[in-house]
């Protein structure tokens, strides 16, 4: 499975593949504290961004989470 990706060592390996100033973004259906702890151990900056939407299949409002992690200030191309 992919369980090892969500660990501190798995995230450290993923970080090795980011370009300088790159951001790791992970979408999740839940705000997961153990995963956030692993992200904070591997990266200097971790942001949790809630993404709310209407699930038409069940006619309910839901919130998913976008985890953003990086070490250096993010840069944007003009």
N, C-alpha and C. Protein backbone atom coordinates (compact mmCIF):
# COMPACT_ATOMS: atom_id res chain seq x y z
N UNK A 1 0.81 -1.18 0.00
CA UNK A 1 0.00 0.00 0.00
C UNK A 1 0.86 1.26 0.00
N UNK A 2 0.22 2.35 0.23
CA UNK A 2 0.90 3.65 0.23
C UNK A 2 1.06 4.24 1.63
N UNK A 3 0.88 3.42 2.65
CA UNK A 3 0.93 3.92 4.03
C UNK A 3 2.25 4.62 4.35
N UNK A 4 3.36 4.13 3.78
CA UNK A 4 4.67 4.70 4.12
C UNK A 4 4.81 6.14 3.65
N UNK A 5 4.05 6.53 2.62
CA UNK A 5 4.12 7.92 2.15
C UNK A 5 3.71 8.89 3.24
N UNK A 6 2.76 8.50 4.07
CA UNK A 6 2.16 9.40 5.06
C UNK A 6 2.94 9.45 6.37
N UNK A 7 4.14 8.88 6.39
CA UNK A 7 4.99 8.91 7.58
C UNK A 7 6.04 10.01 7.42
N UNK A 8 6.71 10.33 8.53
CA UNK A 8 7.77 11.34 8.48
C UNK A 8 8.85 10.96 7.47
N UNK A 9 9.28 9.70 7.48
CA UNK A 9 10.34 9.28 6.54
C UNK A 9 9.83 9.28 5.10
N UNK A 10 8.58 8.89 4.89
CA UNK A 10 8.02 8.92 3.54
C UNK A 10 7.91 10.33 3.00
N UNK A 11 7.51 11.26 3.84
CA UNK A 11 7.41 12.66 3.43
C UNK A 11 8.79 13.26 3.19
N UNK A 12 9.78 12.85 3.98
CA UNK A 12 11.15 13.32 3.75
C UNK A 12 11.64 12.86 2.38
N UNK A 13 11.31 11.63 2.00
CA UNK A 13 11.68 11.13 0.67
C UNK A 13 10.95 11.91 -0.42
N UNK A 14 9.69 12.21 -0.21
CA UNK A 14 8.93 12.98 -1.19
C UNK A 14 9.53 14.38 -1.35
N UNK A 15 9.96 14.97 -0.24
CA UNK A 15 10.54 16.31 -0.27
C UNK A 15 11.79 16.36 -1.14
N UNK A 16 12.54 15.27 -1.19
CA UNK A 16 13.75 15.21 -2.02
C UNK A 16 13.44 15.41 -3.50
N UNK A 17 12.21 15.17 -3.92
CA UNK A 17 11.83 15.28 -5.32
C UNK A 17 11.24 16.64 -5.68
N UNK A 18 11.07 17.51 -4.70
CA UNK A 18 10.54 18.85 -4.97
C UNK A 18 11.63 19.75 -5.54
N UNK A 19 11.25 20.61 -6.45
CA UNK A 19 12.16 21.65 -6.94
C UNK A 19 12.40 22.65 -5.82
N UNK A 20 13.50 23.40 -5.87
CA UNK A 20 13.72 24.44 -4.86
C UNK A 20 12.51 25.38 -4.81
N UNK A 21 12.01 25.61 -3.61
CA UNK A 21 10.83 26.45 -3.44
C UNK A 21 9.53 25.74 -3.75
N UNK A 22 9.62 24.42 -4.04
CA UNK A 22 8.43 23.65 -4.39
C UNK A 22 7.52 23.40 -3.20
N UNK A 23 6.28 23.11 -3.48
CA UNK A 23 5.27 22.87 -2.45
C UNK A 23 4.67 21.49 -2.66
N UNK A 24 4.60 20.72 -1.59
CA UNK A 24 3.89 19.45 -1.61
C UNK A 24 2.44 19.73 -1.25
N UNK A 25 1.51 19.28 -2.09
CA UNK A 25 0.08 19.46 -1.84
C UNK A 25 -0.58 18.09 -1.79
N UNK A 26 -1.35 17.85 -0.73
CA UNK A 26 -2.05 16.58 -0.56
C UNK A 26 -3.51 16.87 -0.23
N UNK A 27 -4.42 16.28 -0.99
CA UNK A 27 -5.86 16.42 -0.77
C UNK A 27 -6.32 15.30 0.13
N UNK A 28 -7.18 15.61 1.10
CA UNK A 28 -7.67 14.59 2.02
C UNK A 28 -9.12 14.86 2.37
N UNK A 29 -9.86 13.80 2.62
CA UNK A 29 -11.26 13.96 3.04
C UNK A 29 -11.36 14.23 4.53
N UNK A 30 -10.24 14.13 5.26
CA UNK A 30 -10.29 14.35 6.70
C UNK A 30 -9.10 15.18 7.16
N UNK A 31 -9.31 15.94 8.21
CA UNK A 31 -8.23 16.70 8.85
C UNK A 31 -7.53 15.73 9.79
N UNK A 32 -6.38 15.21 9.37
CA UNK A 32 -5.73 14.08 10.03
C UNK A 32 -4.56 14.54 10.88
N UNK A 33 -4.70 14.51 12.20
CA UNK A 33 -3.65 15.00 13.09
C UNK A 33 -2.34 14.23 12.98
N UNK A 34 -2.33 12.88 12.93
CA UNK A 34 -1.05 12.18 12.78
C UNK A 34 -0.32 12.57 11.49
N UNK A 35 -1.07 12.76 10.40
CA UNK A 35 -0.44 13.17 9.14
C UNK A 35 0.11 14.58 9.26
N UNK A 36 -0.62 15.47 9.90
CA UNK A 36 -0.14 16.84 10.09
C UNK A 36 1.14 16.83 10.92
N UNK A 37 1.20 16.00 11.93
CA UNK A 37 2.41 15.90 12.76
C UNK A 37 3.59 15.43 11.92
N UNK A 38 3.37 14.45 11.04
CA UNK A 38 4.44 13.96 10.18
C UNK A 38 4.88 15.05 9.20
N UNK A 39 3.92 15.80 8.64
CA UNK A 39 4.27 16.91 7.75
C UNK A 39 5.12 17.95 8.48
N UNK A 40 4.72 18.29 9.70
CA UNK A 40 5.45 19.32 10.46
C UNK A 40 6.85 18.85 10.84
N UNK A 41 7.03 17.55 10.98
CA UNK A 41 8.37 17.02 11.27
C UNK A 41 9.26 17.06 10.03
N UNK A 42 8.66 16.97 8.85
CA UNK A 42 9.43 16.90 7.61
C UNK A 42 9.61 18.26 6.92
N UNK A 43 8.70 19.21 7.17
CA UNK A 43 8.72 20.50 6.47
C UNK A 43 8.69 21.65 7.46
N UNK A 44 9.26 22.79 7.05
CA UNK A 44 9.29 23.97 7.91
C UNK A 44 7.93 24.66 8.00
N UNK A 45 7.18 24.64 6.91
CA UNK A 45 5.90 25.34 6.85
C UNK A 45 4.81 24.35 6.42
N UNK A 46 3.73 24.29 7.20
CA UNK A 46 2.59 23.42 6.87
C UNK A 46 1.31 24.24 7.01
N UNK A 47 0.50 24.23 5.98
CA UNK A 47 -0.78 24.94 6.00
C UNK A 47 -1.90 23.94 5.73
N UNK A 48 -3.01 24.10 6.44
CA UNK A 48 -4.21 23.30 6.20
C UNK A 48 -5.27 24.23 5.65
N UNK A 49 -5.77 23.91 4.48
CA UNK A 49 -6.76 24.75 3.82
C UNK A 49 -8.06 23.96 3.69
N UNK A 50 -9.13 24.41 4.35
CA UNK A 50 -10.41 23.72 4.19
C UNK A 50 -11.02 24.03 2.82
N UNK A 51 -11.60 23.02 2.19
CA UNK A 51 -12.27 23.18 0.91
C UNK A 51 -13.70 22.66 1.07
N UNK A 52 -14.66 23.57 1.14
CA UNK A 52 -16.06 23.19 1.36
C UNK A 52 -16.81 23.15 0.04
N UNK A 53 -17.74 22.21 -0.06
CA UNK A 53 -18.50 22.04 -1.29
C UNK A 53 -19.81 21.32 -0.98
N UNK A 54 -20.75 21.43 -1.89
CA UNK A 54 -22.01 20.71 -1.77
C UNK A 54 -21.87 19.37 -2.48
N UNK A 55 -22.06 18.29 -1.76
CA UNK A 55 -22.05 16.95 -2.34
C UNK A 55 -23.45 16.68 -2.87
N UNK A 56 -23.60 16.77 -4.18
CA UNK A 56 -24.92 16.60 -4.81
C UNK A 56 -25.49 15.20 -4.63
N UNK A 57 -24.64 14.21 -4.43
CA UNK A 57 -25.13 12.84 -4.29
C UNK A 57 -25.95 12.65 -3.03
N UNK A 58 -25.58 13.37 -1.98
CA UNK A 58 -26.30 13.24 -0.70
C UNK A 58 -26.93 14.55 -0.25
N UNK A 59 -26.78 15.59 -1.09
CA UNK A 59 -27.34 16.92 -0.82
C UNK A 59 -26.91 17.44 0.55
N UNK A 60 -25.59 17.34 0.81
CA UNK A 60 -25.02 17.83 2.07
C UNK A 60 -23.75 18.62 1.79
N UNK A 61 -23.49 19.57 2.67
CA UNK A 61 -22.25 20.33 2.61
C UNK A 61 -21.14 19.48 3.23
N UNK A 62 -19.98 19.43 2.56
CA UNK A 62 -18.83 18.68 3.06
C UNK A 62 -17.61 19.57 3.05
N UNK A 63 -16.65 19.21 3.86
CA UNK A 63 -15.36 19.90 3.87
C UNK A 63 -14.26 18.87 3.72
N UNK A 64 -13.43 19.04 2.69
CA UNK A 64 -12.21 18.27 2.52
C UNK A 64 -11.05 19.18 2.90
N UNK A 65 -9.84 18.65 2.88
CA UNK A 65 -8.68 19.41 3.34
C UNK A 65 -7.56 19.34 2.33
N UNK A 66 -6.92 20.46 2.10
CA UNK A 66 -5.73 20.54 1.27
C UNK A 66 -4.57 20.85 2.21
N UNK A 67 -3.60 19.95 2.24
CA UNK A 67 -2.40 20.13 3.05
C UNK A 67 -1.30 20.67 2.15
N UNK A 68 -0.72 21.80 2.50
CA UNK A 68 0.38 22.41 1.76
C UNK A 68 1.60 22.43 2.65
N UNK A 69 2.73 21.94 2.13
CA UNK A 69 3.95 21.87 2.94
C UNK A 69 5.15 22.28 2.09
N UNK A 70 6.03 23.09 2.70
CA UNK A 70 7.25 23.51 2.00
C UNK A 70 8.28 23.98 3.01
N UNK A 71 9.51 24.16 2.53
CA UNK A 71 10.60 24.63 3.38
C UNK A 71 11.02 26.05 3.07
N UNK A 72 10.91 26.43 1.82
CA UNK A 72 11.38 27.74 1.39
C UNK A 72 10.19 28.61 1.02
N UNK A 73 10.38 29.92 1.00
CA UNK A 73 9.28 30.78 0.56
C UNK A 73 8.83 30.38 -0.84
N UNK A 74 7.54 30.26 -1.04
CA UNK A 74 7.01 29.88 -2.34
C UNK A 74 7.21 31.01 -3.34
N UNK A 75 7.49 30.64 -4.57
CA UNK A 75 7.62 31.62 -5.63
C UNK A 75 6.57 31.32 -6.69
N UNK A 76 6.08 32.37 -7.32
CA UNK A 76 5.10 32.19 -8.39
C UNK A 76 5.65 32.80 -9.66
N UNK A 77 5.45 32.10 -10.74
CA UNK A 77 5.86 32.64 -12.04
C UNK A 77 4.93 33.77 -12.42
N UNK A 78 5.49 34.80 -13.04
CA UNK A 78 4.68 35.95 -13.46
C UNK A 78 3.91 35.63 -14.71
